[in-house]
ModelCIF file with pLDDT and N, C-alpha, C, O atoms, coordinates in Angstrom:
data_MODEL
#
_entry.id   MODEL 
#
_entity.id                         1 
_entity.type                       polymer 
_entity.pdbx_number_of_molecules   1 
#
_entity_poly.entity_id                      1 
_entity_poly.type                           'polypeptide(L)' 
_entity_poly.nstd_linkage                   no 
_entity_poly.nstd_monomer                   no 
_entity_poly.pdbx_seq_one_letter_code       YTEASPCGACRQVMAEYETRYGNEITVFCYLNGGRIRKIKGVKSLL 
_entity_poly.pdbx_seq_one_letter_code_can   YTEASPCGACRQVMAEYETRYGNEITVFCYLNGGRIRKIKGVKSLL 
_entity_poly.pdbx_strand_id                 A 
#
loop_
_entity_poly_seq.entity_id 
_entity_poly_seq.num 
_entity_poly_seq.mon_id 
_entity_poly_seq.hetero 
1 1  TYR n 
1 2  THR n 
1 3  GLU n 
1 4  ALA n 
1 5  SER n 
1 6  PRO n 
1 7  CYS n 
1 8  GLY n 
1 9  ALA n 
1 10 CYS n 
1 11 ARG n 
1 12 GLN n 
1 13 VAL n 
1 14 MET n 
1 15 ALA n 
1 16 GLU n 
1 17 TYR n 
1 18 GLU n 
1 19 THR n 
1 20 ARG n 
1 21 TYR n 
1 22 GLY n 
1 23 ASN n 
1 24 GLU n 
1 25 ILE n 
1 26 THR n 
1 27 VAL n 
1 28 PHE n 
1 29 CYS n 
1 30 TYR n 
1 31 LEU n 
1 32 ASN n 
1 33 GLY n 
1 34 GLY n 
1 35 ARG n 
1 36 ILE n 
1 37 ARG n 
1 38 LYS n 
1 39 ILE n 
1 40 LYS n 
1 41 GLY n 
1 42 VAL n 
1 43 LYS n 
1 44 SER n 
1 45 LEU n 
1 46 LEU n 
#
_struct_asym.id          A 
_struct_asym.entity_id   1 
#
loop_
_ma_qa_metric.id 
_ma_qa_metric.mode 
_ma_qa_metric.name 
_ma_qa_metric.software_group_id 
_ma_qa_metric.type 
1 global pLDDT . pLDDT 
2 local  pLDDT . pLDDT 
#
_ma_qa_metric_global.metric_id      1 
_ma_qa_metric_global.metric_value   95.54 
_ma_qa_metric_global.model_id       1 
_ma_qa_metric_global.ordinal_id     1 
#
loop_
_ma_qa_metric_local.label_asym_id 
_ma_qa_metric_local.label_comp_id 
_ma_qa_metric_local.label_seq_id 
_ma_qa_metric_local.metric_id 
_ma_qa_metric_local.metric_value 
_ma_qa_metric_local.model_id 
_ma_qa_metric_local.ordinal_id 
A TYR 1  2 97.00 1 1  
A THR 2  2 97.00 1 2  
A GLU 3  2 95.00 1 3  
A ALA 4  2 95.00 1 4  
A SER 5  2 95.00 1 5  
A PRO 6  2 97.00 1 6  
A CYS 7  2 96.00 1 7  
A GLY 8  2 95.00 1 8  
A ALA 9  2 96.00 1 9  
A CYS 10 2 97.00 1 10 
A ARG 11 2 97.00 1 11 
A GLN 12 2 96.00 1 12 
A VAL 13 2 97.00 1 13 
A MET 14 2 97.00 1 14 
A ALA 15 2 95.00 1 15 
A GLU 16 2 95.00 1 16 
A TYR 17 2 96.00 1 17 
A GLU 18 2 95.00 1 18 
A THR 19 2 93.00 1 19 
A ARG 20 2 93.00 1 20 
A TYR 21 2 95.00 1 21 
A GLY 22 2 93.00 1 22 
A ASN 23 2 95.00 1 23 
A GLU 24 2 96.00 1 24 
A ILE 25 2 98.00 1 25 
A THR 26 2 98.00 1 26 
A VAL 27 2 98.00 1 27 
A PHE 28 2 98.00 1 28 
A CYS 29 2 98.00 1 29 
A TYR 30 2 97.00 1 30 
A LEU 31 2 96.00 1 31 
A ASN 32 2 93.00 1 32 
A GLY 33 2 92.00 1 33 
A GLY 34 2 95.00 1 34 
A ARG 35 2 97.00 1 35 
A ILE 36 2 98.00 1 36 
A ARG 37 2 98.00 1 37 
A LYS 38 2 98.00 1 38 
A ILE 39 2 97.00 1 39 
A LYS 40 2 95.00 1 40 
A GLY 41 2 94.00 1 41 
A VAL 42 2 94.00 1 42 
A LYS 43 2 91.00 1 43 
A SER 44 2 92.00 1 44 
A LEU 45 2 93.00 1 45 
A LEU 46 2 92.00 1 46 
#
loop_
_atom_site.group_PDB 
_atom_site.id 
_atom_site.type_symbol 
_atom_site.label_atom_id 
_atom_site.label_alt_id 
_atom_site.label_comp_id 
_atom_site.label_asym_id 
_atom_site.label_entity_id 
_atom_site.label_seq_id 
_atom_site.pdbx_PDB_ins_code 
_atom_site.Cartn_x 
_atom_site.Cartn_y 
_atom_site.Cartn_z 
_atom_site.occupancy 
_atom_site.B_iso_or_equiv 
_atom_site.pdbx_formal_charge 
_atom_site.auth_seq_id 
_atom_site.auth_comp_id 
_atom_site.auth_asym_id 
_atom_site.auth_atom_id 
_atom_site.pdbx_PDB_model_num 
ATOM 1   N N  . TYR A 1 1  ? -115.678 124.251 -94.606 1.00 97.00 ? 1  TYR A N  1 
ATOM 2   C CA . TYR A 1 1  ? -115.575 125.340 -93.775 1.00 97.00 ? 1  TYR A CA 1 
ATOM 3   C C  . TYR A 1 1  ? -116.207 126.321 -94.499 1.00 97.00 ? 1  TYR A C  1 
ATOM 4   O O  . TYR A 1 1  ? -115.773 126.693 -95.590 1.00 97.00 ? 1  TYR A O  1 
ATOM 5   N N  . THR A 1 2  ? -117.455 126.891 -93.851 1.00 97.00 ? 2  THR A N  1 
ATOM 6   C CA . THR A 1 2  ? -117.810 128.274 -94.111 1.00 97.00 ? 2  THR A CA 1 
ATOM 7   C C  . THR A 1 2  ? -118.221 128.762 -93.464 1.00 97.00 ? 2  THR A C  1 
ATOM 8   O O  . THR A 1 2  ? -117.958 128.604 -92.272 1.00 97.00 ? 2  THR A O  1 
ATOM 9   N N  . GLU A 1 3  ? -118.935 129.468 -93.829 1.00 95.00 ? 3  GLU A N  1 
ATOM 10  C CA . GLU A 1 3  ? -119.577 131.326 -93.188 1.00 95.00 ? 3  GLU A CA 1 
ATOM 11  C C  . GLU A 1 3  ? -120.605 130.758 -92.739 1.00 95.00 ? 3  GLU A C  1 
ATOM 12  O O  . GLU A 1 3  ? -121.417 130.038 -93.319 1.00 95.00 ? 3  GLU A O  1 
ATOM 13  N N  . ALA A 1 4  ? -120.502 131.450 -90.596 1.00 95.00 ? 4  ALA A N  1 
ATOM 14  C CA . ALA A 1 4  ? -121.134 131.559 -90.562 1.00 95.00 ? 4  ALA A CA 1 
ATOM 15  C C  . ALA A 1 4  ? -121.318 132.789 -88.897 1.00 95.00 ? 4  ALA A C  1 
ATOM 16  O O  . ALA A 1 4  ? -120.391 133.267 -88.243 1.00 95.00 ? 4  ALA A O  1 
ATOM 17  N N  . SER A 1 5  ? -122.711 132.951 -88.687 1.00 95.00 ? 5  SER A N  1 
ATOM 18  C CA . SER A 1 5  ? -122.790 134.472 -88.102 1.00 95.00 ? 5  SER A CA 1 
ATOM 19  C C  . SER A 1 5  ? -123.801 133.973 -87.260 1.00 95.00 ? 5  SER A C  1 
ATOM 20  O O  . SER A 1 5  ? -123.999 132.759 -87.205 1.00 95.00 ? 5  SER A O  1 
ATOM 21  N N  . PRO A 1 6  ? -124.553 134.877 -86.510 1.00 97.00 ? 6  PRO A N  1 
ATOM 22  C CA . PRO A 1 6  ? -124.946 134.758 -84.698 1.00 97.00 ? 6  PRO A CA 1 
ATOM 23  C C  . PRO A 1 6  ? -126.269 134.526 -85.530 1.00 97.00 ? 6  PRO A C  1 
ATOM 24  O O  . PRO A 1 6  ? -126.299 134.920 -86.696 1.00 97.00 ? 6  PRO A O  1 
ATOM 25  N N  . CYS A 1 7  ? -127.399 133.878 -84.949 1.00 96.00 ? 7  CYS A N  1 
ATOM 26  C CA . CYS A 1 7  ? -128.766 134.276 -84.990 1.00 96.00 ? 7  CYS A CA 1 
ATOM 27  C C  . CYS A 1 7  ? -129.069 135.275 -83.982 1.00 96.00 ? 7  CYS A C  1 
ATOM 28  O O  . CYS A 1 7  ? -128.225 135.639 -83.163 1.00 96.00 ? 7  CYS A O  1 
ATOM 29  N N  . GLY A 1 8  ? -130.619 135.868 -84.033 1.00 95.00 ? 8  GLY A N  1 
ATOM 30  C CA . GLY A 1 8  ? -130.709 136.921 -83.612 1.00 95.00 ? 8  GLY A CA 1 
ATOM 31  C C  . GLY A 1 8  ? -130.772 136.716 -82.142 1.00 95.00 ? 8  GLY A C  1 
ATOM 32  O O  . GLY A 1 8  ? -130.358 137.556 -81.343 1.00 95.00 ? 8  GLY A O  1 
ATOM 33  N N  . ALA A 1 9  ? -131.703 134.708 -81.548 1.00 96.00 ? 9  ALA A N  1 
ATOM 34  C CA . ALA A 1 9  ? -131.322 135.184 -80.165 1.00 96.00 ? 9  ALA A CA 1 
ATOM 35  C C  . ALA A 1 9  ? -129.496 133.874 -79.614 1.00 96.00 ? 9  ALA A C  1 
ATOM 36  O O  . ALA A 1 9  ? -129.521 132.973 -78.776 1.00 96.00 ? 9  ALA A O  1 
ATOM 37  N N  . CYS A 1 10 ? -128.703 134.155 -80.156 1.00 97.00 ? 10 CYS A N  1 
ATOM 38  C CA . CYS A 1 10 ? -127.231 133.857 -79.957 1.00 97.00 ? 10 CYS A CA 1 
ATOM 39  C C  . CYS A 1 10 ? -126.550 135.144 -79.195 1.00 97.00 ? 10 CYS A C  1 
ATOM 40  O O  . CYS A 1 10 ? -125.894 135.034 -78.160 1.00 97.00 ? 10 CYS A O  1 
ATOM 41  N N  . ARG A 1 11 ? -126.888 136.728 -80.066 1.00 97.00 ? 11 ARG A N  1 
ATOM 42  C CA . ARG A 1 11 ? -127.023 137.348 -80.806 1.00 97.00 ? 11 ARG A CA 1 
ATOM 43  C C  . ARG A 1 11 ? -127.223 138.158 -78.680 1.00 97.00 ? 11 ARG A C  1 
ATOM 44  O O  . ARG A 1 11 ? -126.427 138.558 -77.830 1.00 97.00 ? 11 ARG A O  1 
ATOM 45  N N  . GLN A 1 12 ? -128.743 137.989 -78.772 1.00 96.00 ? 12 GLN A N  1 
ATOM 46  C CA . GLN A 1 12 ? -129.515 138.336 -77.448 1.00 96.00 ? 12 GLN A CA 1 
ATOM 47  C C  . GLN A 1 12 ? -128.509 137.580 -76.242 1.00 96.00 ? 12 GLN A C  1 
ATOM 48  O O  . GLN A 1 12 ? -128.006 138.292 -75.373 1.00 96.00 ? 12 GLN A O  1 
ATOM 49  N N  . VAL A 1 13 ? -128.319 136.444 -76.257 1.00 97.00 ? 13 VAL A N  1 
ATOM 50  C CA . VAL A 1 13 ? -127.549 136.032 -75.189 1.00 97.00 ? 13 VAL A CA 1 
ATOM 51  C C  . VAL A 1 13 ? -126.377 136.344 -75.156 1.00 97.00 ? 13 VAL A C  1 
ATOM 52  O O  . VAL A 1 13 ? -125.957 135.674 -74.213 1.00 97.00 ? 13 VAL A O  1 
ATOM 53  N N  . MET A 1 14 ? -125.115 137.211 -75.753 1.00 97.00 ? 14 MET A N  1 
ATOM 54  C CA . MET A 1 14 ? -124.297 137.253 -75.869 1.00 97.00 ? 14 MET A CA 1 
ATOM 55  C C  . MET A 1 14 ? -124.453 139.156 -75.530 1.00 97.00 ? 14 MET A C  1 
ATOM 56  O O  . MET A 1 14 ? -123.288 139.552 -75.509 1.00 97.00 ? 14 MET A O  1 
ATOM 57  N N  . ALA A 1 15 ? -124.832 139.639 -75.429 1.00 95.00 ? 15 ALA A N  1 
ATOM 58  C CA . ALA A 1 15 ? -125.360 141.195 -74.777 1.00 95.00 ? 15 ALA A CA 1 
ATOM 59  C C  . ALA A 1 15 ? -125.341 140.574 -73.543 1.00 95.00 ? 15 ALA A C  1 
ATOM 60  O O  . ALA A 1 15 ? -124.217 140.301 -73.119 1.00 95.00 ? 15 ALA A O  1 
ATOM 61  N N  . GLU A 1 16 ? -126.610 140.177 -72.619 1.00 95.00 ? 16 GLU A N  1 
ATOM 62  C CA . GLU A 1 16 ? -126.520 139.809 -71.880 1.00 95.00 ? 16 GLU A CA 1 
ATOM 63  C C  . GLU A 1 16 ? -124.967 139.128 -70.872 1.00 95.00 ? 16 GLU A C  1 
ATOM 64  O O  . GLU A 1 16 ? -124.640 138.602 -69.808 1.00 95.00 ? 16 GLU A O  1 
ATOM 65  N N  . TYR A 1 17 ? -124.567 139.522 -71.880 1.00 96.00 ? 17 TYR A N  1 
ATOM 66  C CA . TYR A 1 17 ? -123.458 138.247 -71.059 1.00 96.00 ? 17 TYR A CA 1 
ATOM 67  C C  . TYR A 1 17 ? -122.022 139.262 -70.580 1.00 96.00 ? 17 TYR A C  1 
ATOM 68  O O  . TYR A 1 17 ? -121.172 139.106 -69.704 1.00 96.00 ? 17 TYR A O  1 
ATOM 69  N N  . GLU A 1 18 ? -122.267 140.452 -71.732 1.00 95.00 ? 18 GLU A N  1 
ATOM 70  C CA . GLU A 1 18 ? -121.117 141.853 -71.780 1.00 95.00 ? 18 GLU A CA 1 
ATOM 71  C C  . GLU A 1 18 ? -122.067 142.452 -71.214 1.00 95.00 ? 18 GLU A C  1 
ATOM 72  O O  . GLU A 1 18 ? -121.943 143.577 -71.697 1.00 95.00 ? 18 GLU A O  1 
ATOM 73  N N  . THR A 1 19 ? -123.356 142.521 -70.191 1.00 93.00 ? 19 THR A N  1 
ATOM 74  C CA . THR A 1 19 ? -123.731 143.918 -69.960 1.00 93.00 ? 19 THR A CA 1 
ATOM 75  C C  . THR A 1 19 ? -123.448 142.675 -67.787 1.00 93.00 ? 19 THR A C  1 
ATOM 76  O O  . THR A 1 19 ? -122.811 143.083 -66.816 1.00 93.00 ? 19 THR A O  1 
ATOM 77  N N  . ARG A 1 20 ? -124.056 141.602 -67.881 1.00 93.00 ? 20 ARG A N  1 
ATOM 78  C CA . ARG A 1 20 ? -123.881 140.821 -66.883 1.00 93.00 ? 20 ARG A CA 1 
ATOM 79  C C  . ARG A 1 20 ? -121.052 141.398 -66.304 1.00 93.00 ? 20 ARG A C  1 
ATOM 80  O O  . ARG A 1 20 ? -120.381 141.461 -65.273 1.00 93.00 ? 20 ARG A O  1 
ATOM 81  N N  . TYR A 1 21 ? -120.813 141.562 -67.630 1.00 95.00 ? 21 TYR A N  1 
ATOM 82  C CA . TYR A 1 21 ? -119.622 141.093 -66.708 1.00 95.00 ? 21 TYR A CA 1 
ATOM 83  C C  . TYR A 1 21 ? -119.667 142.337 -66.649 1.00 95.00 ? 21 TYR A C  1 
ATOM 84  O O  . TYR A 1 21 ? -119.466 142.830 -65.540 1.00 95.00 ? 21 TYR A O  1 
ATOM 85  N N  . GLY A 1 22 ? -119.973 143.355 -67.936 1.00 93.00 ? 22 GLY A N  1 
ATOM 86  C CA . GLY A 1 22 ? -119.166 144.017 -68.112 1.00 93.00 ? 22 GLY A CA 1 
ATOM 87  C C  . GLY A 1 22 ? -117.662 144.881 -68.964 1.00 93.00 ? 22 GLY A C  1 
ATOM 88  O O  . GLY A 1 22 ? -116.791 145.751 -68.951 1.00 93.00 ? 22 GLY A O  1 
ATOM 89  N N  . ASN A 1 23 ? -118.562 143.345 -69.856 1.00 95.00 ? 23 ASN A N  1 
ATOM 90  C CA . ASN A 1 23 ? -116.987 144.314 -71.219 1.00 95.00 ? 23 ASN A CA 1 
ATOM 91  C C  . ASN A 1 23 ? -117.598 143.138 -72.104 1.00 95.00 ? 23 ASN A C  1 
ATOM 92  O O  . ASN A 1 23 ? -118.209 142.070 -72.146 1.00 95.00 ? 23 ASN A O  1 
ATOM 93  N N  . GLU A 1 24 ? -116.790 144.431 -72.951 1.00 96.00 ? 24 GLU A N  1 
ATOM 94  C CA . GLU A 1 24 ? -117.475 143.862 -74.666 1.00 96.00 ? 24 GLU A CA 1 
ATOM 95  C C  . GLU A 1 24 ? -116.468 142.636 -75.319 1.00 96.00 ? 24 GLU A C  1 
ATOM 96  O O  . GLU A 1 24 ? -115.318 142.484 -75.730 1.00 96.00 ? 24 GLU A O  1 
ATOM 97  N N  . ILE A 1 25 ? -118.038 141.699 -75.064 1.00 98.00 ? 25 ILE A N  1 
ATOM 98  C CA . ILE A 1 25 ? -117.256 140.128 -76.091 1.00 98.00 ? 25 ILE A CA 1 
ATOM 99  C C  . ILE A 1 25 ? -116.157 140.808 -77.654 1.00 98.00 ? 25 ILE A C  1 
ATOM 100 O O  . ILE A 1 25 ? -116.745 141.720 -78.235 1.00 98.00 ? 25 ILE A O  1 
ATOM 101 N N  . THR A 1 26 ? -114.908 140.482 -78.209 1.00 98.00 ? 26 THR A N  1 
ATOM 102 C CA . THR A 1 26 ? -114.766 139.676 -79.181 1.00 98.00 ? 26 THR A CA 1 
ATOM 103 C C  . THR A 1 26 ? -115.473 139.230 -79.721 1.00 98.00 ? 26 THR A C  1 
ATOM 104 O O  . THR A 1 26 ? -116.182 138.430 -79.110 1.00 98.00 ? 26 THR A O  1 
ATOM 105 N N  . VAL A 1 27 ? -115.801 139.498 -81.520 1.00 98.00 ? 27 VAL A N  1 
ATOM 106 C CA . VAL A 1 27 ? -117.139 138.668 -81.509 1.00 98.00 ? 27 VAL A CA 1 
ATOM 107 C C  . VAL A 1 27 ? -115.991 137.617 -83.820 1.00 98.00 ? 27 VAL A C  1 
ATOM 108 O O  . VAL A 1 27 ? -116.395 137.441 -84.970 1.00 98.00 ? 27 VAL A O  1 
ATOM 109 N N  . PHE A 1 28 ? -114.986 137.418 -83.249 1.00 98.00 ? 28 PHE A N  1 
ATOM 110 C CA . PHE A 1 28 ? -115.081 136.424 -84.957 1.00 98.00 ? 28 PHE A CA 1 
ATOM 111 C C  . PHE A 1 28 ? -116.236 135.526 -85.590 1.00 98.00 ? 28 PHE A C  1 
ATOM 112 O O  . PHE A 1 28 ? -117.110 134.765 -85.173 1.00 98.00 ? 28 PHE A O  1 
ATOM 113 N N  . CYS A 1 29 ? -115.749 136.050 -86.909 1.00 98.00 ? 29 CYS A N  1 
ATOM 114 C CA . CYS A 1 29 ? -116.677 134.953 -87.416 1.00 98.00 ? 29 CYS A CA 1 
ATOM 115 C C  . CYS A 1 29 ? -116.273 134.421 -88.250 1.00 98.00 ? 29 CYS A C  1 
ATOM 116 O O  . CYS A 1 29 ? -116.246 135.241 -89.168 1.00 98.00 ? 29 CYS A O  1 
ATOM 117 N N  . TYR A 1 30 ? -115.639 132.860 -88.824 1.00 97.00 ? 30 TYR A N  1 
ATOM 118 C CA . TYR A 1 30 ? -115.385 132.775 -89.988 1.00 97.00 ? 30 TYR A CA 1 
ATOM 119 C C  . TYR A 1 30 ? -115.992 132.821 -91.130 1.00 97.00 ? 30 TYR A C  1 
ATOM 120 O O  . TYR A 1 30 ? -116.948 132.065 -91.305 1.00 97.00 ? 30 TYR A O  1 
ATOM 121 N N  . LEU A 1 31 ? -115.747 133.346 -91.737 1.00 96.00 ? 31 LEU A N  1 
ATOM 122 C CA . LEU A 1 31 ? -115.780 133.900 -93.765 1.00 96.00 ? 31 LEU A CA 1 
ATOM 123 C C  . LEU A 1 31 ? -115.759 133.056 -94.853 1.00 96.00 ? 31 LEU A C  1 
ATOM 124 O O  . LEU A 1 31 ? -114.721 132.396 -94.790 1.00 96.00 ? 31 LEU A O  1 
ATOM 125 N N  . ASN A 1 32 ? -116.199 132.858 -95.505 1.00 93.00 ? 32 ASN A N  1 
ATOM 126 C CA . ASN A 1 32 ? -115.725 132.206 -97.649 1.00 93.00 ? 32 ASN A CA 1 
ATOM 127 C C  . ASN A 1 32 ? -114.619 132.143 -97.412 1.00 93.00 ? 32 ASN A C  1 
ATOM 128 O O  . ASN A 1 32 ? -114.338 132.794 -96.406 1.00 93.00 ? 32 ASN A O  1 
ATOM 129 N N  . GLY A 1 33 ? -113.503 131.475 -98.029 1.00 92.00 ? 33 GLY A N  1 
ATOM 130 C CA . GLY A 1 33 ? -112.965 131.127 -97.831 1.00 92.00 ? 33 GLY A CA 1 
ATOM 131 C C  . GLY A 1 33 ? -110.897 132.150 -97.250 1.00 92.00 ? 33 GLY A C  1 
ATOM 132 O O  . GLY A 1 33 ? -109.837 132.709 -97.529 1.00 92.00 ? 33 GLY A O  1 
ATOM 133 N N  . GLY A 1 34 ? -112.037 131.499 -96.163 1.00 95.00 ? 34 GLY A N  1 
ATOM 134 C CA . GLY A 1 34 ? -110.425 130.835 -94.667 1.00 95.00 ? 34 GLY A CA 1 
ATOM 135 C C  . GLY A 1 34 ? -110.169 132.342 -94.772 1.00 95.00 ? 34 GLY A C  1 
ATOM 136 O O  . GLY A 1 34 ? -108.999 132.631 -95.022 1.00 95.00 ? 34 GLY A O  1 
ATOM 137 N N  . ARG A 1 35 ? -111.532 133.957 -94.547 1.00 97.00 ? 35 ARG A N  1 
ATOM 138 C CA . ARG A 1 35 ? -111.420 135.065 -94.031 1.00 97.00 ? 35 ARG A CA 1 
ATOM 139 C C  . ARG A 1 35 ? -112.010 135.154 -93.145 1.00 97.00 ? 35 ARG A C  1 
ATOM 140 O O  . ARG A 1 35 ? -113.167 134.765 -93.307 1.00 97.00 ? 35 ARG A O  1 
ATOM 141 N N  . ILE A 1 36 ? -111.695 135.631 -91.852 1.00 98.00 ? 36 ILE A N  1 
ATOM 142 C CA . ILE A 1 36 ? -112.076 136.388 -90.851 1.00 98.00 ? 36 ILE A CA 1 
ATOM 143 C C  . ILE A 1 36 ? -112.804 138.074 -90.597 1.00 98.00 ? 36 ILE A C  1 
ATOM 144 O O  . ILE A 1 36 ? -112.247 139.114 -90.950 1.00 98.00 ? 36 ILE A O  1 
ATOM 145 N N  . ARG A 1 37 ? -113.897 138.002 -90.038 1.00 98.00 ? 37 ARG A N  1 
ATOM 146 C CA . ARG A 1 37 ? -114.275 138.847 -89.243 1.00 98.00 ? 37 ARG A CA 1 
ATOM 147 C C  . ARG A 1 37 ? -114.361 139.198 -88.068 1.00 98.00 ? 37 ARG A C  1 
ATOM 148 O O  . ARG A 1 37 ? -115.278 138.855 -87.322 1.00 98.00 ? 37 ARG A O  1 
ATOM 149 N N  . LYS A 1 38 ? -113.277 140.033 -87.711 1.00 98.00 ? 38 LYS A N  1 
ATOM 150 C CA . LYS A 1 38 ? -112.988 140.594 -86.204 1.00 98.00 ? 38 LYS A CA 1 
ATOM 151 C C  . LYS A 1 38 ? -114.667 141.543 -85.557 1.00 98.00 ? 38 LYS A C  1 
ATOM 152 O O  . LYS A 1 38 ? -114.526 142.683 -85.998 1.00 98.00 ? 38 LYS A O  1 
ATOM 153 N N  . ILE A 1 39 ? -115.847 141.494 -84.876 1.00 97.00 ? 39 ILE A N  1 
ATOM 154 C CA . ILE A 1 39 ? -116.191 142.641 -85.426 1.00 97.00 ? 39 ILE A CA 1 
ATOM 155 C C  . ILE A 1 39 ? -116.278 143.052 -83.385 1.00 97.00 ? 39 ILE A C  1 
ATOM 156 O O  . ILE A 1 39 ? -116.079 142.117 -82.610 1.00 97.00 ? 39 ILE A O  1 
ATOM 157 N N  . LYS A 1 40 ? -116.446 143.846 -83.075 1.00 95.00 ? 40 LYS A N  1 
ATOM 158 C CA . LYS A 1 40 ? -115.624 144.315 -81.392 1.00 95.00 ? 40 LYS A CA 1 
ATOM 159 C C  . LYS A 1 40 ? -116.660 144.701 -80.826 1.00 95.00 ? 40 LYS A C  1 
ATOM 160 O O  . LYS A 1 40 ? -116.876 145.884 -81.088 1.00 95.00 ? 40 LYS A O  1 
ATOM 161 N N  . GLY A 1 41 ? -117.581 144.144 -80.011 1.00 94.00 ? 41 GLY A N  1 
ATOM 162 C CA . GLY A 1 41 ? -118.729 144.368 -78.644 1.00 94.00 ? 41 GLY A CA 1 
ATOM 163 C C  . GLY A 1 41 ? -119.824 143.218 -79.521 1.00 94.00 ? 41 GLY A C  1 
ATOM 164 O O  . GLY A 1 41 ? -119.479 142.573 -80.511 1.00 94.00 ? 41 GLY A O  1 
ATOM 165 N N  . VAL A 1 42 ? -121.185 143.171 -78.874 1.00 94.00 ? 42 VAL A N  1 
ATOM 166 C CA . VAL A 1 42 ? -122.186 142.687 -79.447 1.00 94.00 ? 42 VAL A CA 1 
ATOM 167 C C  . VAL A 1 42 ? -123.093 144.154 -79.742 1.00 94.00 ? 42 VAL A C  1 
ATOM 168 O O  . VAL A 1 42 ? -124.203 143.822 -80.157 1.00 94.00 ? 42 VAL A O  1 
ATOM 169 N N  . LYS A 1 43 ? -123.037 144.792 -79.705 1.00 91.00 ? 43 LYS A N  1 
ATOM 170 C CA . LYS A 1 43 ? -124.067 146.350 -79.682 1.00 91.00 ? 43 LYS A CA 1 
ATOM 171 C C  . LYS A 1 43 ? -123.467 146.664 -81.425 1.00 91.00 ? 43 LYS A C  1 
ATOM 172 O O  . LYS A 1 43 ? -124.178 147.323 -82.184 1.00 91.00 ? 43 LYS A O  1 
ATOM 173 N N  . SER A 1 44 ? -122.152 146.123 -81.877 1.00 92.00 ? 44 SER A N  1 
ATOM 174 C CA . SER A 1 44 ? -122.032 146.286 -83.384 1.00 92.00 ? 44 SER A CA 1 
ATOM 175 C C  . SER A 1 44 ? -122.791 145.151 -84.230 1.00 92.00 ? 44 SER A C  1 
ATOM 176 O O  . SER A 1 44 ? -122.993 145.253 -85.440 1.00 92.00 ? 44 SER A O  1 
ATOM 177 N N  . LEU A 1 45 ? -123.176 144.082 -83.463 1.00 93.00 ? 45 LEU A N  1 
ATOM 178 C CA . LEU A 1 45 ? -124.411 143.388 -84.231 1.00 93.00 ? 45 LEU A CA 1 
ATOM 179 C C  . LEU A 1 45 ? -125.593 143.651 -83.644 1.00 93.00 ? 45 LEU A C  1 
ATOM 180 O O  . LEU A 1 45 ? -126.426 143.237 -84.451 1.00 93.00 ? 45 LEU A O  1 
ATOM 181 N N  . LEU A 1 46 ? -126.062 144.023 -82.864 1.00 92.00 ? 46 LEU A N  1 
ATOM 182 C CA . LEU A 1 46 ? -127.196 144.037 -81.869 1.00 92.00 ? 46 LEU A CA 1 
ATOM 183 C C  . LEU A 1 46 ? -128.001 145.119 -80.999 1.00 92.00 ? 46 LEU A C  1 
ATOM 184 O O  . LEU A 1 46 ? -128.913 144.757 -80.255 1.00 92.00 ? 46 LEU A O  1 
#
């Protein structure tokens, strides 16, 4: 398992889902070494 983060197109799609449903989406990304990053809201990514 290795680090992965959403591309720009995926971030834009997630942003639209936040708008569509009126709620922030929490994003979890696996990081190298087994750590996990938790990001509150797509606006932090885009």
